[in-house]
PDB file of N, CA and C in Angstrom:
ATOM      1  N   MET A   1     -38.834  62.867-165.214  1.00  0.00           N
ATOM      2  CA  MET A   1     -40.161  62.413-165.501  1.00  0.00           C
ATOM      3  C   MET A   1     -40.181  60.912-165.821  1.00  0.00           C
ATOM      4  N   ASP A   2     -40.920  60.186-165.097  1.00  0.00           N
ATOM      5  CA  ASP A   2     -41.019  58.743-165.238  1.00  0.00           C
ATOM      6  C   ASP A   2     -41.863  58.400-166.493  1.00  0.00           C
ATOM      7  N   ALA A   3     -41.496  57.363-167.145  1.00  0.00           N
ATOM      8  CA  ALA A   3     -42.303  56.928-168.317  1.00  0.00           C
ATOM      9  C   ALA A   3     -43.452  56.037-167.833  1.00  0.00           C
ATOM     10  N   LEU A   4     -44.570  56.140-168.553  1.00  0.00           N
ATOM     11  CA  LEU A   4     -45.725  55.337-168.279  1.00  0.00           C
ATOM     12  C   LEU A   4     -45.569  53.932-168.944  1.00  0.00           C
ATOM     13  N   PHE A   5     -44.732  53.941-170.012  1.00  0.00           N
ATOM     14  CA  PHE A   5     -44.380  52.711-170.816  1.00  0.00           C
ATOM     15  C   PHE A   5     -43.074  52.946-171.465  1.00  0.00           C
ATOM     16  N   SER A   6     -42.233  51.971-171.488  1.00  0.00           N
ATOM     17  CA  SER A   6     -40.926  51.999-172.167  1.00  0.00           C
ATOM     18  C   SER A   6     -40.686  50.725-172.932  1.00  0.00           C
ATOM     19  N   LYS A   7     -40.045  50.896-174.055  1.00  0.00           N
ATOM     20  CA  LYS A   7     -39.630  49.780-174.900  1.00  0.00           C
ATOM     21  C   LYS A   7     -38.346  50.123-175.548  1.00  0.00           C
ATOM     22  N   MET A   8     -37.393  49.185-175.610  1.00  0.00           N
ATOM     23  CA  MET A   8     -36.075  49.463-176.261  1.00  0.00           C
ATOM     24  C   MET A   8     -35.969  48.492-177.423  1.00  0.00           C
ATOM     25  N   VAL A   9     -35.552  48.977-178.548  1.00  0.00           N
ATOM     26  CA  VAL A   9     -35.328  48.162-179.749  1.00  0.00           C
ATOM     27  C   VAL A   9     -33.950  48.394-180.280  1.00  0.00           C
ATOM     28  N   LYS A  10     -33.128  47.286-180.374  1.00  0.00           N
ATOM     29  CA  LYS A  10     -31.793  47.391-180.877  1.00  0.00           C
ATOM     30  C   LYS A  10     -31.719  47.017-182.337  1.00  0.00           C
ATOM     31  N   SER A  11     -30.944  47.783-183.113  1.00  0.00           N
ATOM     32  CA  SER A  11     -30.808  47.502-184.510  1.00  0.00           C
ATOM     33  C   SER A  11     -29.343  47.845-184.910  1.00  0.00           C
ATOM     34  N   GLY A  12     -28.476  46.923-184.977  1.00  0.00           N
ATOM     35  CA  GLY A  12     -27.075  47.162-185.218  1.00  0.00           C
ATOM     36  C   GLY A  12     -26.495  48.062-184.166  1.00  0.00           C
ATOM     37  N   LYS A  13     -25.861  49.148-184.582  1.00  0.00           N
ATOM     38  CA  LYS A  13     -25.273  50.045-183.546  1.00  0.00           C
ATOM     39  C   LYS A  13     -26.216  51.105-182.973  1.00  0.00           C
ATOM     40  N   THR A  14     -27.362  51.068-183.538  1.00  0.00           N
ATOM     41  CA  THR A  14     -28.405  52.035-183.111  1.00  0.00           C
ATOM     42  C   THR A  14     -29.420  51.393-182.151  1.00  0.00           C
ATOM     43  N   THR A  15     -29.721  52.088-181.068  1.00  0.00           N
ATOM     44  CA  THR A  15     -30.757  51.617-180.130  1.00  0.00           C
ATOM     45  C   THR A  15     -31.895  52.669-180.131  1.00  0.00           C
ATOM     46  N   TYR A  16     -33.089  52.189-180.247  1.00  0.00           N
ATOM     47  CA  TYR A  16     -34.297  53.070-180.214  1.00  0.00           C
ATOM     48  C   TYR A  16     -34.984  52.904-178.848  1.00  0.00           C
ATOM     49  N   PHE A  17     -35.461  54.048-178.358  1.00  0.00           N
ATOM     50  CA  PHE A  17     -36.160  53.985-177.045  1.00  0.00           C
ATOM     51  C   PHE A  17     -37.562  54.606-177.371  1.00  0.00           C
ATOM     52  N   LEU A  18     -38.604  53.895-176.979  1.00  0.00           N
ATOM     53  CA  LEU A  18     -39.955  54.413-177.156  1.00  0.00           C
ATOM     54  C   LEU A  18     -40.512  54.582-175.725  1.00  0.00           C
ATOM     55  N   ASP A  19     -40.848  55.826-175.325  1.00  0.00           N
ATOM     56  CA  ASP A  19     -41.272  56.069-173.992  1.00  0.00           C
ATOM     57  C   ASP A  19     -42.577  56.907-174.000  1.00  0.00           C
ATOM     58  N   VAL A  20     -43.613  56.325-173.397  1.00  0.00           N
ATOM     59  CA  VAL A  20     -44.877  57.065-173.279  1.00  0.00           C
ATOM     60  C   VAL A  20     -44.735  57.878-172.000  1.00  0.00           C
ATOM     61  N   LYS A  21     -44.976  59.150-172.038  1.00  0.00           N
ATOM     62  CA  LYS A  21     -44.849  60.066-170.912  1.00  0.00           C
ATOM     63  C   LYS A  21     -46.131  60.904-170.845  1.00  0.00           C
ATOM     64  N   GLU A  22     -46.204  61.647-169.697  1.00  0.00           N
ATOM     65  CA  GLU A  22     -47.364  62.535-169.547  1.00  0.00           C
ATOM     66  C   GLU A  22     -46.801  63.922-169.279  1.00  0.00           C
ATOM     67  N   ALA A  23     -47.348  64.864-170.093  1.00  0.00           N
ATOM     68  CA  ALA A  23     -46.887  66.270-169.970  1.00  0.00           C
ATOM     69  C   ALA A  23     -47.518  66.959-168.808  1.00  0.00           C
ATOM     70  N   LYS A  24     -47.113  68.092-168.478  1.00  0.00           N
ATOM     71  CA  LYS A  24     -47.581  68.847-167.322  1.00  0.00           C
ATOM     72  C   LYS A  24     -49.081  69.098-167.432  1.00  0.00           C
ATOM     73  N   ASN A  25     -49.610  69.129-168.642  1.00  0.00           N
ATOM     74  CA  ASN A  25     -51.063  69.381-168.795  1.00  0.00           C
ATOM     75  C   ASN A  25     -51.878  68.028-168.850  1.00  0.00           C
ATOM     76  N   ASN A  26     -51.248  66.995-168.390  1.00  0.00           N
ATOM     77  CA  ASN A  26     -51.819  65.608-168.419  1.00  0.00           C
ATOM     78  C   ASN A  26     -52.023  64.984-169.765  1.00  0.00           C
ATOM     79  N   THR A  27     -51.478  65.570-170.821  1.00  0.00           N
ATOM     80  CA  THR A  27     -51.527  64.975-172.161  1.00  0.00           C
ATOM     81  C   THR A  27     -50.448  63.976-172.329  1.00  0.00           C
ATOM     82  N   LYS A  28     -50.807  62.814-172.784  1.00  0.00           N
ATOM     83  CA  LYS A  28     -49.803  61.747-173.002  1.00  0.00           C
ATOM     84  C   LYS A  28     -49.132  61.980-174.367  1.00  0.00           C
ATOM     85  N   TYR A  29     -47.834  61.586-174.424  1.00  0.00           N
ATOM     86  CA  TYR A  29     -47.120  61.675-175.666  1.00  0.00           C
ATOM     87  C   TYR A  29     -46.100  60.556-175.726  1.00  0.00           C
ATOM     88  N   LEU A  30     -45.672  60.243-176.940  1.00  0.00           N
ATOM     89  CA  LEU A  30     -44.688  59.270-177.199  1.00  0.00           C
ATOM     90  C   LEU A  30     -43.370  59.938-177.560  1.00  0.00           C
ATOM     91  N   ASN A  31     -42.318  59.645-176.845  1.00  0.00           N
ATOM     92  CA  ASN A  31     -41.039  60.252-177.086  1.00  0.00           C
ATOM     93  C   ASN A  31     -40.146  59.054-177.766  1.00  0.00           C
ATOM     94  N   ILE A  32     -39.742  59.281-179.016  1.00  0.00           N
ATOM     95  CA  ILE A  32     -38.957  58.250-179.684  1.00  0.00           C
ATOM     96  C   ILE A  32     -37.509  58.840-179.772  1.00  0.00           C
ATOM     97  N   THR A  33     -36.549  58.043-179.218  1.00  0.00           N
ATOM     98  CA  THR A  33     -35.096  58.484-179.218  1.00  0.00           C
ATOM     99  C   THR A  33     -34.307  57.423-179.895  1.00  0.00           C
ATOM    100  N   ALA A  34     -33.419  57.916-180.796  1.00  0.00           N
ATOM    101  CA  ALA A  34     -32.409  57.005-181.421  1.00  0.00           C
ATOM    102  C   ALA A  34     -31.077  57.374-180.900  1.00  0.00           C
ATOM    103  N   SER A  35     -30.347  56.364-180.434  1.00  0.00           N
ATOM    104  CA  SER A  35     -29.051  56.573-179.842  1.00  0.00           C
ATOM    105  C   SER A  35     -28.068  55.706-180.546  1.00  0.00           C
ATOM    106  N   SER A  36     -26.887  56.252-180.957  1.00  0.00           N
ATOM    107  CA  SER A  36     -25.859  55.537-181.703  1.00  0.00           C
ATOM    108  C   SER A  36     -24.551  56.167-181.332  1.00  0.00           C
ATOM    109  N   PRO A  37     -23.451  55.399-181.509  1.00  0.00           N
ATOM    110  CA  PRO A  37     -22.108  55.900-181.206  1.00  0.00           C
ATOM    111  C   PRO A  37     -21.779  57.235-181.966  1.00  0.00           C
ATOM    112  N   SER A  38     -21.190  58.192-181.372  1.00  0.00           N
ATOM    113  CA  SER A  38     -20.870  59.387-182.038  1.00  0.00           C
ATOM    114  C   SER A  38     -19.762  59.207-183.040  1.00  0.00           C
ATOM    115  N   ARG A  39     -19.856  59.856-184.153  1.00  0.00           N
ATOM    116  CA  ARG A  39     -18.737  59.734-185.161  1.00  0.00           C
ATOM    117  C   ARG A  39     -17.470  60.332-184.743  1.00  0.00           C
ATOM    118  N   GLU A  40     -17.584  61.428-183.877  1.00  0.00           N
ATOM    119  CA  GLU A  40     -16.371  62.131-183.396  1.00  0.00           C
ATOM    120  C   GLU A  40     -15.743  61.410-182.301  1.00  0.00           C
ATOM    121  N   ASP A  41     -16.425  60.753-181.432  1.00  0.00           N
ATOM    122  CA  ASP A  41     -15.932  60.020-180.259  1.00  0.00           C
ATOM    123  C   ASP A  41     -16.767  58.767-180.005  1.00  0.00           C
ATOM    124  N   PRO A  42     -16.215  57.613-180.437  1.00  0.00           N
ATOM    125  CA  PRO A  42     -17.008  56.358-180.264  1.00  0.00           C
ATOM    126  C   PRO A  42     -17.427  56.018-178.829  1.00  0.00           C
ATOM    127  N   LYS A  43     -16.783  56.659-177.872  1.00  0.00           N
ATOM    128  CA  LYS A  43     -17.130  56.429-176.450  1.00  0.00           C
ATOM    129  C   LYS A  43     -18.313  57.243-176.024  1.00  0.00           C
ATOM    130  N   LYS A  44     -18.765  58.150-176.903  1.00  0.00           N
ATOM    131  CA  LYS A  44     -19.974  58.987-176.609  1.00  0.00           C
ATOM    132  C   LYS A  44     -21.067  58.556-177.530  1.00  0.00           C
ATOM    133  N   PHE A  45     -22.261  58.938-177.172  1.00  0.00           N
ATOM    134  CA  PHE A  45     -23.412  58.647-177.988  1.00  0.00           C
ATOM    135  C   PHE A  45     -24.138  59.850-178.529  1.00  0.00           C
ATOM    136  N   ALA A  46     -24.576  59.750-179.697  1.00  0.00           N
ATOM    137  CA  ALA A  46     -25.384  60.836-180.345  1.00  0.00           C
ATOM    138  C   ALA A  46     -26.821  60.406-180.196  1.00  0.00           C
ATOM    139  N   LYS A  47     -27.626  61.387-179.751  1.00  0.00           N
ATOM    140  CA  LYS A  47     -29.081  61.092-179.534  1.00  0.00           C
ATOM    141  C   LYS A  47     -29.872  62.063-180.344  1.00  0.00           C
ATOM    142  N   ARG A  48     -30.932  61.511-180.937  1.00  0.00           N
ATOM    143  CA  ARG A  48     -31.918  62.241-181.600  1.00  0.00           C
ATOM    144  C   ARG A  48     -33.355  61.828-181.173  1.00  0.00           C
ATOM    145  N   SER A  49     -34.187  62.784-180.982  1.00  0.00           N
ATOM    146  CA  SER A  49     -35.534  62.361-180.555  1.00  0.00           C
ATOM    147  C   SER A  49     -36.585  63.233-181.146  1.00  0.00           C
ATOM    148  N   VAL A  50     -37.803  62.639-181.066  1.00  0.00           N
ATOM    149  CA  VAL A  50     -39.026  63.295-181.507  1.00  0.00           C
ATOM    150  C   VAL A  50     -40.189  63.070-180.574  1.00  0.00           C
ATOM    151  N   ALA A  51     -40.983  63.992-180.329  1.00  0.00           N
ATOM    152  CA  ALA A  51     -42.169  63.794-179.449  1.00  0.00           C
ATOM    153  C   ALA A  51     -43.423  63.731-180.327  1.00  0.00           C
ATOM    154  N   LEU A  52     -44.207  62.714-180.115  1.00  0.00           N
ATOM    155  CA  LEU A  52     -45.488  62.582-180.795  1.00  0.00           C
ATOM    156  C   LEU A  52     -46.659  62.584-179.844  1.00  0.00           C
ATOM    157  N   PHE A  53     -47.465  63.646-179.941  1.00  0.00           N
ATOM    158  CA  PHE A  53     -48.646  63.790-179.032  1.00  0.00           C
ATOM    159  C   PHE A  53     -49.809  62.919-179.531  1.00  0.00           C
ATOM    160  N   SER A  54     -50.647  62.580-178.595  1.00  0.00           N
ATOM    161  CA  SER A  54     -51.757  61.663-178.907  1.00  0.00           C
ATOM    162  C   SER A  54     -52.736  62.153-179.989  1.00  0.00           C
ATOM    163  N   ASN A  55     -52.866  63.459-180.152  1.00  0.00           N
ATOM    164  CA  ASN A  55     -53.771  63.991-181.153  1.00  0.00           C
ATOM    165  C   ASN A  55     -53.347  63.702-182.587  1.00  0.00           C
ATOM    166  N   ALA A  56     -52.057  63.339-182.770  1.00  0.00           N
ATOM    167  CA  ALA A  56     -51.451  63.038-184.114  1.00  0.00           C
ATOM    168  C   ALA A  56     -51.158  61.521-184.207  1.00  0.00           C
ATOM    169  N   ALA A  57     -51.428  60.767-183.207  1.00  0.00           N
ATOM    170  CA  ALA A  57     -50.930  59.384-183.215  1.00  0.00           C
ATOM    171  C   ALA A  57     -51.451  58.508-184.323  1.00  0.00           C
ATOM    172  N   ASP A  58     -52.811  58.621-184.492  1.00  0.00           N
ATOM    173  CA  ASP A  58     -53.423  57.752-185.505  1.00  0.00           C
ATOM    174  C   ASP A  58     -52.881  58.028-186.938  1.00  0.00           C
ATOM    175  N   GLU A  59     -52.792  59.317-187.212  1.00  0.00           N
ATOM    176  CA  GLU A  59     -52.326  59.740-188.635  1.00  0.00           C
ATOM    177  C   GLU A  59     -50.812  59.300-188.717  1.00  0.00           C
ATOM    178  N   PHE A  60     -50.042  59.457-187.623  1.00  0.00           N
ATOM    179  CA  PHE A  60     -48.571  59.117-187.711  1.00  0.00           C
ATOM    180  C   PHE A  60     -48.439  57.579-187.909  1.00  0.00           C
ATOM    181  N   VAL A  61     -49.264  56.797-187.224  1.00  0.00           N
ATOM    182  CA  VAL A  61     -49.179  55.331-187.362  1.00  0.00           C
ATOM    183  C   VAL A  61     -49.545  54.931-188.746  1.00  0.00           C
ATOM    184  N   GLU A  62     -50.551  55.556-189.376  1.00  0.00           N
ATOM    185  CA  GLU A  62     -50.928  55.229-190.718  1.00  0.00           C
ATOM    186  C   GLU A  62     -49.735  55.565-191.705  1.00  0.00           C
ATOM    187  N   ALA A  63     -49.184  56.757-191.466  1.00  0.00           N
ATOM    188  CA  ALA A  63     -48.055  57.176-192.357  1.00  0.00           C
ATOM    189  C   ALA A  63     -46.848  56.212-192.148  1.00  0.00           C
ATOM    190  N   LEU A  64     -46.604  55.882-190.950  1.00  0.00           N
ATOM    191  CA  LEU A  64     -45.524  54.952-190.628  1.00  0.00           C
ATOM    192  C   LEU A  64     -45.696  53.587-191.335  1.00  0.00           C
ATOM    193  N   HIS A  65     -46.939  53.099-191.224  1.00  0.00           N
ATOM    194  CA  HIS A  65     -47.239  51.867-191.912  1.00  0.00           C
ATOM    195  C   HIS A  65     -47.072  51.868-193.377  1.00  0.00           C
ATOM    196  N   GLU A  66     -47.532  53.008-194.000  1.00  0.00           N
ATOM    197  CA  GLU A  66     -47.293  53.190-195.472  1.00  0.00           C
ATOM    198  C   GLU A  66     -45.764  53.196-195.753  1.00  0.00           C
ATOM    199  N   ALA A  67     -44.982  53.920-195.034  1.00  0.00           N
ATOM    200  CA  ALA A  67     -43.512  54.000-195.288  1.00  0.00           C
ATOM    201  C   ALA A  67     -42.909  52.627-195.110  1.00  0.00           C
ATOM    202  N   VAL A  68     -43.307  51.850-194.137  1.00  0.00           N
ATOM    203  CA  VAL A  68     -42.737  50.478-193.958  1.00  0.00           C
ATOM    204  C   VAL A  68     -43.105  49.625-195.144  1.00  0.00           C
ATOM    205  N   GLU A  69     -44.369  49.719-195.618  1.00  0.00           N
ATOM    206  CA  GLU A  69     -44.792  48.963-196.775  1.00  0.00           C
ATOM    207  C   GLU A  69     -43.868  49.339-197.990  1.00  0.00           C
ATOM    208  N   HIS A  70     -43.524  50.564-198.189  1.00  0.00           N
ATOM    209  CA  HIS A  70     -42.739  50.955-199.377  1.00  0.00           C
ATOM    210  C   HIS A  70     -41.270  50.440-199.154  1.00  0.00           C
ATOM    211  N   MET A  71     -40.820  50.367-197.857  1.00  0.00           N
ATOM    212  CA  MET A  71     -39.481  49.868-197.632  1.00  0.00           C
ATOM    213  C   MET A  71     -39.336  48.346-197.982  1.00  0.00           C
ATOM    214  N   LYS A  72     -40.522  47.646-197.755  1.00  0.00           N
ATOM    215  CA  LYS A  72     -40.508  46.137-197.980  1.00  0.00           C
ATOM    216  C   LYS A  72     -40.644  45.876-199.456  1.00  0.00           C
ATOM    217  N   ALA A  73     -41.183  46.791-200.282  1.00  0.00           N
ATOM    218  CA  ALA A  73     -41.554  46.542-201.647  1.00  0.00           C
ATOM    219  C   ALA A  73     -40.162  46.467-202.487  1.00  0.00           C
TER     220      ALA A  73
END
């Protein structure tokens, strides 16, 4: 499935991928994937991802903004 939008953010050994995709029912969603070297085998990567659908996007962005503000405090 091709992404409608993609952005890559590197932070140390971790790379974050933000991909906007479209589900089979035409609903758009954001897939956020974190990829970092595996602890067991540094030649392999461990990936973790979460899907965020558009109906929860505004609330998620607000919560994320609050979390970032607490990190900066």
